Amino acid sequence: MLETVGDTELSPPDGESTTIRAVIDRSDVETFDSADDLYDTLMMLVGAQFIGRRYYDDRGGMPGDEENEVSF
């Protein structure tokens, strides 16, 4: 897998890019049973810069932002 996609670059919305190889190297995982298993592992190992807006909830405002809360 690393020979095929290891050098694929992952670019977060804000922050420094990394590769699949660099992310996997941070773990002790050596095999994957499926592409879904690889994807799940990557999602667990990428840093907070890949999350997007932290604590975002599209059903309301940010926590502690009751002043701007909108109810429909």
N, C-alpha and C. Protein backbone atom coordinates (compact mmCIF):
# COMPACT_ATOMS: atom_id res chain seq x y z
N MET A 1 0.83 -1.18 0.00
CA MET A 1 0.00 0.00 0.00
C MET A 1 0.88 1.24 0.00
N LEU A 2 1.94 1.26 0.83
CA LEU A 2 2.79 2.45 0.88
C LEU A 2 3.50 2.70 -0.44
N GLU A 3 3.85 1.64 -1.16
CA GLU A 3 4.48 1.81 -2.47
C GLU A 3 3.52 2.45 -3.46
N THR A 4 2.24 2.14 -3.34
CA THR A 4 1.24 2.64 -4.28
C THR A 4 0.76 4.05 -3.94
N VAL A 5 0.40 4.30 -2.68
CA VAL A 5 -0.20 5.59 -2.31
C VAL A 5 0.54 6.31 -1.19
N GLY A 6 1.65 5.78 -0.74
CA GLY A 6 2.37 6.36 0.39
C GLY A 6 2.80 7.80 0.20
N ASP A 7 3.13 8.17 -1.04
CA ASP A 7 3.59 9.53 -1.30
C ASP A 7 2.46 10.49 -1.66
N THR A 8 1.22 10.02 -1.57
CA THR A 8 0.06 10.89 -1.82
C THR A 8 0.02 11.96 -0.74
N GLU A 9 -0.09 13.20 -1.19
CA GLU A 9 -0.08 14.33 -0.27
C GLU A 9 -1.47 14.60 0.29
N LEU A 10 -1.52 14.83 1.59
CA LEU A 10 -2.77 15.20 2.27
C LEU A 10 -2.63 16.66 2.66
N SER A 11 -3.55 17.49 2.20
CA SER A 11 -3.48 18.93 2.46
C SER A 11 -4.63 19.37 3.33
N PRO A 12 -4.34 19.84 4.54
CA PRO A 12 -5.41 20.32 5.41
C PRO A 12 -5.88 21.71 4.98
N PRO A 13 -7.05 22.14 5.43
CA PRO A 13 -7.53 23.48 5.09
C PRO A 13 -6.56 24.56 5.56
N ASP A 14 -6.01 24.39 6.74
CA ASP A 14 -5.02 25.31 7.30
C ASP A 14 -3.90 24.47 7.88
N GLY A 15 -2.69 24.78 7.50
CA GLY A 15 -1.57 24.04 8.07
C GLY A 15 -0.71 23.41 7.00
N GLU A 16 0.23 22.63 7.45
CA GLU A 16 1.23 22.03 6.58
C GLU A 16 0.75 20.69 6.03
N SER A 17 1.03 20.45 4.76
CA SER A 17 0.67 19.19 4.12
C SER A 17 1.54 18.06 4.66
N THR A 18 1.05 16.85 4.52
CA THR A 18 1.78 15.66 4.92
C THR A 18 1.47 14.57 3.90
N THR A 19 2.08 13.43 4.05
CA THR A 19 1.80 12.31 3.14
C THR A 19 1.15 11.17 3.91
N ILE A 20 0.53 10.27 3.16
CA ILE A 20 -0.06 9.09 3.79
C ILE A 20 1.03 8.31 4.52
N ARG A 21 2.21 8.20 3.92
CA ARG A 21 3.32 7.48 4.55
C ARG A 21 3.68 8.09 5.91
N ALA A 22 3.77 9.41 5.98
CA ALA A 22 4.12 10.08 7.24
C ALA A 22 3.08 9.82 8.31
N VAL A 23 1.81 9.81 7.92
CA VAL A 23 0.73 9.56 8.89
C VAL A 23 0.81 8.13 9.40
N ILE A 24 0.95 7.17 8.50
CA ILE A 24 1.01 5.76 8.88
C ILE A 24 2.26 5.47 9.72
N ASP A 25 3.37 6.14 9.40
CA ASP A 25 4.62 5.93 10.15
C ASP A 25 4.49 6.33 11.62
N ARG A 26 3.51 7.17 11.95
CA ARG A 26 3.30 7.59 13.34
C ARG A 26 2.59 6.52 14.16
N SER A 27 2.18 5.44 13.52
CA SER A 27 1.45 4.40 14.22
C SER A 27 2.24 3.09 14.19
N ASP A 28 1.72 2.11 14.88
CA ASP A 28 2.34 0.78 14.86
C ASP A 28 1.57 -0.17 13.94
N VAL A 29 0.65 0.36 13.14
CA VAL A 29 -0.15 -0.45 12.22
C VAL A 29 0.72 -0.84 11.03
N GLU A 30 0.71 -2.13 10.70
CA GLU A 30 1.52 -2.61 9.58
C GLU A 30 0.69 -3.20 8.45
N THR A 31 -0.54 -3.61 8.73
CA THR A 31 -1.39 -4.19 7.69
C THR A 31 -2.80 -3.62 7.78
N PHE A 32 -3.48 -3.68 6.65
CA PHE A 32 -4.86 -3.22 6.57
C PHE A 32 -5.67 -4.30 5.88
N ASP A 33 -6.85 -4.58 6.40
CA ASP A 33 -7.70 -5.62 5.84
C ASP A 33 -8.46 -5.15 4.61
N SER A 34 -8.63 -3.83 4.49
CA SER A 34 -9.40 -3.29 3.37
C SER A 34 -9.06 -1.81 3.19
N ALA A 35 -9.54 -1.24 2.11
CA ALA A 35 -9.38 0.20 1.89
C ALA A 35 -10.10 0.98 2.98
N ASP A 36 -11.25 0.48 3.44
CA ASP A 36 -11.97 1.14 4.53
C ASP A 36 -11.15 1.15 5.81
N ASP A 37 -10.44 0.06 6.06
CA ASP A 37 -9.58 -0.03 7.24
C ASP A 37 -8.46 1.01 7.17
N LEU A 38 -7.86 1.17 6.00
CA LEU A 38 -6.84 2.20 5.79
C LEU A 38 -7.44 3.58 6.03
N TYR A 39 -8.59 3.85 5.44
CA TYR A 39 -9.25 5.15 5.59
C TYR A 39 -9.53 5.44 7.07
N ASP A 40 -10.10 4.48 7.78
CA ASP A 40 -10.40 4.68 9.20
C ASP A 40 -9.14 4.97 9.99
N THR A 41 -8.07 4.27 9.68
CA THR A 41 -6.80 4.50 10.38
C THR A 41 -6.28 5.90 10.09
N LEU A 42 -6.33 6.33 8.85
CA LEU A 42 -5.89 7.67 8.51
C LEU A 42 -6.71 8.73 9.24
N MET A 43 -8.02 8.53 9.32
CA MET A 43 -8.87 9.50 10.00
C MET A 43 -8.55 9.61 11.48
N MET A 44 -8.12 8.49 12.06
CA MET A 44 -7.77 8.52 13.49
C MET A 44 -6.41 9.17 13.73
N LEU A 45 -5.53 9.15 12.73
CA LEU A 45 -4.15 9.57 12.95
C LEU A 45 -3.82 10.97 12.45
N VAL A 46 -4.62 11.54 11.55
CA VAL A 46 -4.30 12.88 11.08
C VAL A 46 -4.49 13.87 12.23
N GLY A 47 -3.82 14.98 12.15
CA GLY A 47 -3.88 15.97 13.22
C GLY A 47 -5.13 16.83 13.18
N ALA A 48 -5.25 17.68 14.18
CA ALA A 48 -6.41 18.56 14.33
C ALA A 48 -6.57 19.52 13.16
N GLN A 49 -5.47 19.82 12.46
CA GLN A 49 -5.56 20.74 11.32
C GLN A 49 -6.42 20.20 10.19
N PHE A 50 -6.71 18.88 10.21
CA PHE A 50 -7.55 18.28 9.18
C PHE A 50 -9.03 18.26 9.56
N ILE A 51 -9.36 18.66 10.75
CA ILE A 51 -10.74 18.57 11.23
C ILE A 51 -11.63 19.63 10.62
N GLY A 52 -11.12 20.79 10.33
CA GLY A 52 -11.96 21.88 9.86
C GLY A 52 -12.32 22.75 11.05
N ARG A 53 -13.50 23.31 11.06
CA ARG A 53 -13.90 24.17 12.18
C ARG A 53 -14.23 23.30 13.37
N ARG A 54 -13.39 23.39 14.39
CA ARG A 54 -13.60 22.58 15.58
C ARG A 54 -14.85 23.03 16.32
N TYR A 55 -15.57 22.08 16.85
CA TYR A 55 -16.79 22.30 17.64
C TYR A 55 -17.93 22.88 16.80
N TYR A 56 -17.81 22.84 15.47
CA TYR A 56 -18.85 23.35 14.60
C TYR A 56 -20.06 22.44 14.62
N ASP A 57 -21.22 23.04 14.67
CA ASP A 57 -22.47 22.30 14.63
C ASP A 57 -23.39 23.06 13.68
N ASP A 58 -23.77 22.45 12.58
CA ASP A 58 -24.59 23.16 11.61
C ASP A 58 -26.03 23.37 12.06
N ARG A 59 -26.35 22.91 13.25
CA ARG A 59 -27.69 23.10 13.79
C ARG A 59 -27.75 24.26 14.77
N GLY A 60 -26.66 24.94 14.98
CA GLY A 60 -26.64 26.04 15.92
C GLY A 60 -25.32 26.77 15.84
N GLY A 61 -25.07 27.62 16.81
CA GLY A 61 -23.84 28.38 16.82
C GLY A 61 -22.73 27.62 17.52
N MET A 62 -21.68 28.35 17.79
CA MET A 62 -20.55 27.80 18.50
C MET A 62 -20.89 27.72 19.99
N PRO A 63 -20.32 26.74 20.73
CA PRO A 63 -20.59 26.65 22.17
C PRO A 63 -20.26 27.98 22.86
N GLY A 64 -21.14 28.40 23.72
CA GLY A 64 -20.93 29.66 24.44
C GLY A 64 -21.38 30.87 23.64
N ASP A 65 -22.02 30.66 22.50
CA ASP A 65 -22.44 31.76 21.64
C ASP A 65 -23.96 31.90 21.66
N GLU A 66 -24.54 31.82 22.85
CA GLU A 66 -26.00 31.87 22.97
C GLU A 66 -26.57 33.21 22.50
N GLU A 67 -25.77 34.27 22.53
CA GLU A 67 -26.25 35.58 22.13
C GLU A 67 -26.67 35.60 20.65
N ASN A 68 -25.97 34.84 19.81
CA ASN A 68 -26.26 34.84 18.38
C ASN A 68 -27.05 33.60 17.96
N GLU A 69 -27.60 32.87 18.90
CA GLU A 69 -28.33 31.65 18.58
C GLU A 69 -29.63 31.98 17.85
N VAL A 70 -29.91 31.19 16.83
CA VAL A 70 -31.11 31.37 16.02
C VAL A 70 -31.94 30.11 16.15
N SER A 71 -33.24 30.29 16.36
CA SER A 71 -34.14 29.15 16.44
C SER A 71 -35.19 29.27 15.36
N PHE A 72 -35.45 28.17 14.68
CA PHE A 72 -36.44 28.21 13.59
C PHE A 72 -37.69 27.54 14.00
